[in-house]
Amino acid sequence: KIEKSFKVTESPARSAKFIVRENWI
């Protein structure tokens, strides 16, 4: 299932990465 989902921008998002040591995307 989807854990989380949200809108980032009105334009295409081409790359997304975890930065685990900071709890970031």
PDB file of all heavy atoms in Angstrom:
ATOM      1  N   LYS A   1       0.845  -1.195   0.000  1.00  0.00           N
ATOM      2  CA  LYS A   1       0.000   0.000   0.000  1.00  0.00           C
ATOM      3  C   LYS A   1       0.882   1.248   0.000  1.00  0.00           C
ATOM      4  O   LYS A   1       2.078   1.184   0.305  1.00  0.00           O
ATOM      5  CB  LYS A   1      -0.924   0.025   1.217  1.00  0.00           C
ATOM      6  CG  LYS A   1      -0.205   0.245   2.538  1.00  0.00           C
ATOM      7  CD  LYS A   1      -1.201   0.489   3.675  1.00  0.00           C
ATOM      8  CE  LYS A   1      -0.468   0.938   4.945  1.00  0.00           C
ATOM      9  NZ  LYS A   1      -1.419   1.298   6.017  1.00  0.00           N
ATOM     10  N   ILE A   2       0.272   2.387  -0.347  1.00  0.00           N
ATOM     11  CA  ILE A   2       0.989   3.656  -0.293  1.00  0.00           C
ATOM     12  C   ILE A   2       1.069   4.131   1.155  1.00  0.00           C
ATOM     13  O   ILE A   2       0.042   4.264   1.830  1.00  0.00           O
ATOM     14  CB  ILE A   2       0.287   4.711  -1.168  1.00  0.00           C
ATOM     15  CG1 ILE A   2       0.403   4.340  -2.650  1.00  0.00           C
ATOM     16  CG2 ILE A   2       0.900   6.093  -0.935  1.00  0.00           C
ATOM     17  CD1 ILE A   2      -0.283   5.307  -3.578  1.00  0.00           C
ATOM     18  N   GLU A   3       2.274   4.351   1.623  1.00  0.00           N
ATOM     19  CA  GLU A   3       2.496   4.849   2.979  1.00  0.00           C
ATOM     20  C   GLU A   3       2.285   6.357   3.045  1.00  0.00           C
ATOM     21  O   GLU A   3       1.648   6.876   3.958  1.00  0.00           O
ATOM     22  CB  GLU A   3       3.922   4.493   3.416  1.00  0.00           C
ATOM     23  CG  GLU A   3       4.293   4.913   4.829  1.00  0.00           C
ATOM     24  CD  GLU A   3       3.749   3.988   5.888  1.00  0.00           C
ATOM     25  OE1 GLU A   3       3.379   2.849   5.543  1.00  0.00           O
ATOM     26  OE2 GLU A   3       3.687   4.421   7.045  1.00  0.00           O
ATOM     27  N   LYS A   4       2.836   7.076   2.074  1.00  0.00           N
ATOM     28  CA  LYS A   4       2.722   8.533   2.014  1.00  0.00           C
ATOM     29  C   LYS A   4       2.677   8.948   0.550  1.00  0.00           C
ATOM     30  O   LYS A   4       3.290   8.306  -0.303  1.00  0.00           O
ATOM     31  CB  LYS A   4       3.915   9.229   2.684  1.00  0.00           C
ATOM     32  CG  LYS A   4       4.169   8.846   4.147  1.00  0.00           C
ATOM     33  CD  LYS A   4       5.535   9.373   4.621  1.00  0.00           C
ATOM     34  CE  LYS A   4       5.925   8.806   5.979  1.00  0.00           C
ATOM     35  NZ  LYS A   4       5.190   9.402   7.080  1.00  0.00           N
ATOM     36  N   SER A   5       1.972  10.041   0.276  1.00  0.00           N
ATOM     37  CA  SER A   5       1.928  10.587  -1.071  1.00  0.00           C
ATOM     38  C   SER A   5       1.624  12.071  -0.975  1.00  0.00           C
ATOM     39  O   SER A   5       0.759  12.478  -0.190  1.00  0.00           O
ATOM     40  CB  SER A   5       0.857   9.884  -1.909  1.00  0.00           C
ATOM     41  OG  SER A   5       0.809  10.421  -3.212  1.00  0.00           O
ATOM     42  N   PHE A   6       2.353  12.875  -1.751  1.00  0.00           N
ATOM     43  CA  PHE A   6       2.111  14.315  -1.701  1.00  0.00           C
ATOM     44  C   PHE A   6       2.581  14.979  -2.984  1.00  0.00           C
ATOM     45  O   PHE A   6       3.390  14.429  -3.739  1.00  0.00           O
ATOM     46  CB  PHE A   6       2.789  14.958  -0.485  1.00  0.00           C
ATOM     47  CG  PHE A   6       4.289  14.835  -0.459  1.00  0.00           C
ATOM     48  CD1 PHE A   6       5.094  15.896  -0.849  1.00  0.00           C
ATOM     49  CD2 PHE A   6       4.905  13.674  -0.025  1.00  0.00           C
ATOM     50  CE1 PHE A   6       6.470  15.794  -0.820  1.00  0.00           C
ATOM     51  CE2 PHE A   6       6.285  13.562   0.010  1.00  0.00           C
ATOM     52  CZ  PHE A   6       7.066  14.629  -0.387  1.00  0.00           C
ATOM     53  N   LYS A   7       2.041  16.168  -3.210  1.00  0.00           N
ATOM     54  CA  LYS A   7       2.376  16.963  -4.389  1.00  0.00           C
ATOM     55  C   LYS A   7       3.630  17.776  -4.107  1.00  0.00           C
ATOM     56  O   LYS A   7       3.706  18.497  -3.107  1.00  0.00           O
ATOM     57  CB  LYS A   7       1.222  17.908  -4.727  1.00  0.00           C
ATOM     58  CG  LYS A   7       1.372  18.642  -6.044  1.00  0.00           C
ATOM     59  CD  LYS A   7       1.026  17.739  -7.204  1.00  0.00           C
ATOM     60  CE  LYS A   7       0.892  18.507  -8.515  1.00  0.00           C
ATOM     61  NZ  LYS A   7       0.586  17.611  -9.642  1.00  0.00           N
ATOM     62  N   VAL A   8       4.612  17.673  -4.995  1.00  0.00           N
ATOM     63  CA  VAL A   8       5.845  18.443  -4.861  1.00  0.00           C
ATOM     64  C   VAL A   8       5.801  19.678  -5.744  1.00  0.00           C
ATOM     65  O   VAL A   8       6.143  20.784  -5.324  1.00  0.00           O
ATOM     66  CB  VAL A   8       7.063  17.564  -5.225  1.00  0.00           C
ATOM     67  CG1 VAL A   8       8.341  18.398  -5.290  1.00  0.00           C
ATOM     68  CG2 VAL A   8       7.213  16.435  -4.221  1.00  0.00           C
ATOM     69  N   THR A   9       5.339  19.517  -6.989  1.00  0.00           N
ATOM     70  CA  THR A   9       5.399  20.587  -7.966  1.00  0.00           C
ATOM     71  C   THR A   9       4.391  20.307  -9.074  1.00  0.00           C
ATOM     72  O   THR A   9       3.916  19.171  -9.218  1.00  0.00           O
ATOM     73  CB  THR A   9       6.824  20.696  -8.552  1.00  0.00           C
ATOM     74  OG1 THR A   9       6.832  21.619  -9.642  1.00  0.00           O
ATOM     75  CG2 THR A   9       7.325  19.358  -9.058  1.00  0.00           C
ATOM     76  N   GLU A  10       4.087  21.335  -9.852  1.00  0.00           N
ATOM     77  CA  GLU A  10       3.213  21.158 -11.004  1.00  0.00           C
ATOM     78  C   GLU A  10       3.962  20.581 -12.200  1.00  0.00           C
ATOM     79  O   GLU A  10       3.344  20.170 -13.182  1.00  0.00           O
ATOM     80  CB  GLU A  10       2.575  22.502 -11.390  1.00  0.00           C
ATOM     81  CG  GLU A  10       1.598  23.043 -10.361  1.00  0.00           C
ATOM     82  CD  GLU A  10       0.435  22.092 -10.104  1.00  0.00           C
ATOM     83  OE1 GLU A  10      -0.049  21.465 -11.069  1.00  0.00           O
ATOM     84  OE2 GLU A  10       0.039  21.953  -8.933  1.00  0.00           O
ATOM     85  N   SER A  11       5.306  20.563 -12.141  1.00  0.00           N
ATOM     86  CA  SER A  11       6.079  19.987 -13.225  1.00  0.00           C
ATOM     87  C   SER A  11       6.531  18.578 -12.873  1.00  0.00           C
ATOM     88  O   SER A  11       6.481  18.175 -11.724  1.00  0.00           O
ATOM     89  CB  SER A  11       7.283  20.844 -13.572  1.00  0.00           C
ATOM     90  OG  SER A  11       7.643  21.691 -12.577  1.00  0.00           O
ATOM     91  N   PRO A  12       6.932  17.801 -13.867  1.00  0.00           N
ATOM     92  CA  PRO A  12       7.345  16.424 -13.599  1.00  0.00           C
ATOM     93  C   PRO A  12       8.488  16.334 -12.597  1.00  0.00           C
ATOM     94  O   PRO A  12       9.453  17.108 -12.653  1.00  0.00           O
ATOM     95  CB  PRO A  12       7.780  15.916 -14.984  1.00  0.00           C
ATOM     96  CG  PRO A  12       6.976  16.721 -15.945  1.00  0.00           C
ATOM     97  CD  PRO A  12       6.872  18.084 -15.327  1.00  0.00           C
ATOM     98  N   ALA A  13       8.386  15.379 -11.686  1.00  0.00           N
ATOM     99  CA  ALA A  13       9.469  15.051 -10.754  1.00  0.00           C
ATOM    100  C   ALA A  13      10.235  13.868 -11.338  1.00  0.00           C
ATOM    101  O   ALA A  13       9.677  12.781 -11.478  1.00  0.00           O
ATOM    102  CB  ALA A  13       8.915  14.723  -9.380  1.00  0.00           C
ATOM    103  N   ARG A  14      11.489  14.089 -11.711  1.00  0.00           N
ATOM    104  CA  ARG A  14      12.239  13.052 -12.431  1.00  0.00           C
ATOM    105  C   ARG A  14      13.177  12.242 -11.539  1.00  0.00           C
ATOM    106  O   ARG A  14      13.598  11.157 -11.919  1.00  0.00           O
ATOM    107  CB  ARG A  14      13.058  13.680 -13.572  1.00  0.00           C
ATOM    108  CG  ARG A  14      12.188  14.206 -14.685  1.00  0.00           C
ATOM    109  CD  ARG A  14      12.970  14.614 -15.906  1.00  0.00           C
ATOM    110  NE  ARG A  14      12.090  15.247 -16.862  1.00  0.00           N
ATOM    111  CZ  ARG A  14      11.460  14.614 -17.844  1.00  0.00           C
ATOM    112  NH1 ARG A  14      11.624  13.318 -18.009  1.00  0.00           N
ATOM    113  NH2 ARG A  14      10.657  15.269 -18.662  1.00  0.00           N
ATOM    114  N   SER A  15      13.546  12.775 -10.384  1.00  0.00           N
ATOM    115  CA  SER A  15      14.475  12.041  -9.517  1.00  0.00           C
ATOM    116  C   SER A  15      14.124  12.314  -8.064  1.00  0.00           C
ATOM    117  O   SER A  15      13.925  13.470  -7.672  1.00  0.00           O
ATOM    118  CB  SER A  15      15.923  12.468  -9.797  1.00  0.00           C
ATOM    119  OG  SER A  15      16.825  11.701  -9.034  1.00  0.00           O
ATOM    120  N   ALA A  16      14.035  11.254  -7.270  1.00  0.00           N
ATOM    121  CA  ALA A  16      13.790  11.382  -5.832  1.00  0.00           C
ATOM    122  C   ALA A  16      14.654  10.360  -5.100  1.00  0.00           C
ATOM    123  O   ALA A  16      14.734   9.200  -5.525  1.00  0.00           O
ATOM    124  CB  ALA A  16      12.320  11.174  -5.506  1.00  0.00           C
ATOM    125  N   LYS A  17      15.292  10.802  -4.029  1.00  0.00           N
ATOM    126  CA  LYS A  17      16.201   9.945  -3.277  1.00  0.00           C
ATOM    127  C   LYS A  17      15.952  10.086  -1.777  1.00  0.00           C
ATOM    128  O   LYS A  17      15.613  11.162  -1.288  1.00  0.00           O
ATOM    129  CB  LYS A  17      17.667  10.339  -3.558  1.00  0.00           C
ATOM    130  CG  LYS A  17      18.108  10.214  -5.002  1.00  0.00           C
ATOM    131  CD  LYS A  17      18.353   8.773  -5.386  1.00  0.00           C
ATOM    132  CE  LYS A  17      18.951   8.678  -6.787  1.00  0.00           C
ATOM    133  NZ  LYS A  17      19.172   7.279  -7.183  1.00  0.00           N
ATOM    134  N   PHE A  18      16.169   8.997  -1.069  1.00  0.00           N
ATOM    135  CA  PHE A  18      16.211   9.049   0.389  1.00  0.00           C
ATOM    136  C   PHE A  18      17.578   9.568   0.850  1.00  0.00           C
ATOM    137  O   PHE A  18      18.616   9.200   0.291  1.00  0.00           O
ATOM    138  CB  PHE A  18      16.027   7.658   0.992  1.00  0.00           C
ATOM    139  CG  PHE A  18      14.633   7.108   0.922  1.00  0.00           C
ATOM    140  CD1 PHE A  18      14.361   5.990   0.145  1.00  0.00           C
ATOM    141  CD2 PHE A  18      13.602   7.681   1.658  1.00  0.00           C
ATOM    142  CE1 PHE A  18      13.075   5.458   0.095  1.00  0.00           C
ATOM    143  CE2 PHE A  18      12.312   7.157   1.614  1.00  0.00           C
ATOM    144  CZ  PHE A  18      12.050   6.049   0.839  1.00  0.00           C
ATOM    145  N   ILE A  19      17.583  10.432   1.862  1.00  0.00           N
ATOM    146  CA  ILE A  19      18.792  10.739   2.625  1.00  0.00           C
ATOM    147  C   ILE A  19      18.504  10.228   4.029  1.00  0.00           C
ATOM    148  O   ILE A  19      17.956  10.923   4.887  1.00  0.00           O
ATOM    149  CB  ILE A  19      19.134  12.237   2.625  1.00  0.00           C
ATOM    150  CG1 ILE A  19      19.226  12.769   1.201  1.00  0.00           C
ATOM    151  CG2 ILE A  19      20.448  12.481   3.370  1.00  0.00           C
ATOM    152  CD1 ILE A  19      19.572  14.245   1.099  1.00  0.00           C
ATOM    153  N   VAL A  20      18.839   8.972   4.266  1.00  0.00           N
ATOM    154  CA  VAL A  20      18.347   8.251   5.436  1.00  0.00           C
ATOM    155  C   VAL A  20      18.900   8.834   6.728  1.00  0.00           C
ATOM    156  O   VAL A  20      18.180   8.941   7.733  1.00  0.00           O
ATOM    157  CB  VAL A  20      18.696   6.751   5.306  1.00  0.00           C
ATOM    158  CG1 VAL A  20      18.283   5.990   6.550  1.00  0.00           C
ATOM    159  CG2 VAL A  20      18.009   6.171   4.074  1.00  0.00           C
ATOM    160  N   ARG A  21      20.168   9.253   6.715  1.00  0.00           N
ATOM    161  CA  ARG A  21      20.764   9.738   7.965  1.00  0.00           C
ATOM    162  C   ARG A  21      20.148  11.041   8.440  1.00  0.00           C
ATOM    163  O   ARG A  21      20.353  11.443   9.579  1.00  0.00           O
ATOM    164  CB  ARG A  21      22.273   9.877   7.810  1.00  0.00           C
ATOM    165  CG  ARG A  21      22.759  10.765   6.671  1.00  0.00           C
ATOM    166  CD  ARG A  21      24.242  10.529   6.442  1.00  0.00           C
ATOM    167  NE  ARG A  21      24.853  11.384   5.436  1.00  0.00           N
ATOM    168  CZ  ARG A  21      24.906  11.094   4.149  1.00  0.00           C
ATOM    169  NH1 ARG A  21      24.328   9.995   3.705  1.00  0.00           N
ATOM    170  NH2 ARG A  21      25.516  11.898   3.298  1.00  0.00           N
ATOM    171  N   GLU A  22      19.371  11.712   7.599  1.00  0.00           N
ATOM    172  CA  GLU A  22      18.678  12.942   7.985  1.00  0.00           C
ATOM    173  C   GLU A  22      17.149  12.780   8.014  1.00  0.00           C
ATOM    174  O   GLU A  22      16.441  13.741   8.307  1.00  0.00           O
ATOM    175  CB  GLU A  22      19.041  14.069   7.006  1.00  0.00           C
ATOM    176  CG  GLU A  22      20.522  14.387   6.909  1.00  0.00           C
ATOM    177  CD  GLU A  22      21.057  15.107   8.131  1.00  0.00           C
ATOM    178  OE1 GLU A  22      20.250  15.559   8.967  1.00  0.00           O
ATOM    179  OE2 GLU A  22      22.298  15.203   8.246  1.00  0.00           O
ATOM    180  N   ASN A  23      16.676  11.565   7.675  1.00  0.00           N
ATOM    181  CA  ASN A  23      15.225  11.327   7.535  1.00  0.00           C
ATOM    182  C   ASN A  23      14.610  12.257   6.484  1.00  0.00           C
ATOM    183  O   ASN A  23      13.510  12.778   6.667  1.00  0.00           O
ATOM    184  CB  ASN A  23      14.487  11.494   8.869  1.00  0.00           C
ATOM    185  CG  ASN A  23      14.806  10.384   9.846  1.00  0.00           C
ATOM    186  OD1 ASN A  23      15.631   9.514   9.569  1.00  0.00           O
ATOM    187  ND2 ASN A  23      14.165  10.394  10.988  1.00  0.00           N
ATOM    188  N   TRP A  24      15.301  12.397   5.353  1.00  0.00           N
ATOM    189  CA  TRP A  24      14.878  13.310   4.308  1.00  0.00           C
ATOM    190  C   TRP A  24      14.566  12.562   3.015  1.00  0.00           C
ATOM    191  O   TRP A  24      15.039  11.462   2.778  1.00  0.00           O
ATOM    192  CB  TRP A  24      15.965  14.330   3.986  1.00  0.00           C
ATOM    193  CG  TRP A  24      16.213  15.369   5.029  1.00  0.00           C
ATOM    194  CD1 TRP A  24      15.422  15.701   6.094  1.00  0.00           C
ATOM    195  CD2 TRP A  24      17.363  16.221   5.107  1.00  0.00           C
ATOM    196  NE1 TRP A  24      16.008  16.711   6.825  1.00  0.00           N
ATOM    197  CE2 TRP A  24      17.197  17.047   6.245  1.00  0.00           C
ATOM    198  CE3 TRP A  24      18.519  16.373   4.332  1.00  0.00           C
ATOM    199  CZ2 TRP A  24      18.140  18.011   6.617  1.00  0.00           C
ATOM    200  CZ3 TRP A  24      19.459  17.326   4.694  1.00  0.00           C
ATOM    201  CH2 TRP A  24      19.271  18.139   5.831  1.00  0.00           C
ATOM    202  N   ILE A  25      13.760  13.245   2.207  1.00  0.00           N
ATOM    203  CA  ILE A  25      13.596  12.937   0.786  1.00  0.00           C
ATOM    204  C   ILE A  25      14.053  14.165   0.013  1.00  0.00           C
ATOM    205  O   ILE A  25      13.703  15.291   0.370  1.00  0.00           O
ATOM    206  CB  ILE A  25      12.122  12.658   0.442  1.00  0.00           C
ATOM    207  CG1 ILE A  25      11.625  11.388   1.117  1.00  0.00           C
ATOM    208  CG2 ILE A  25      11.918  12.565  -1.064  1.00  0.00           C
ATOM    209  CD1 ILE A  25      10.112  11.266   1.082  1.00  0.00           C
TER     210      ILE A  25
END
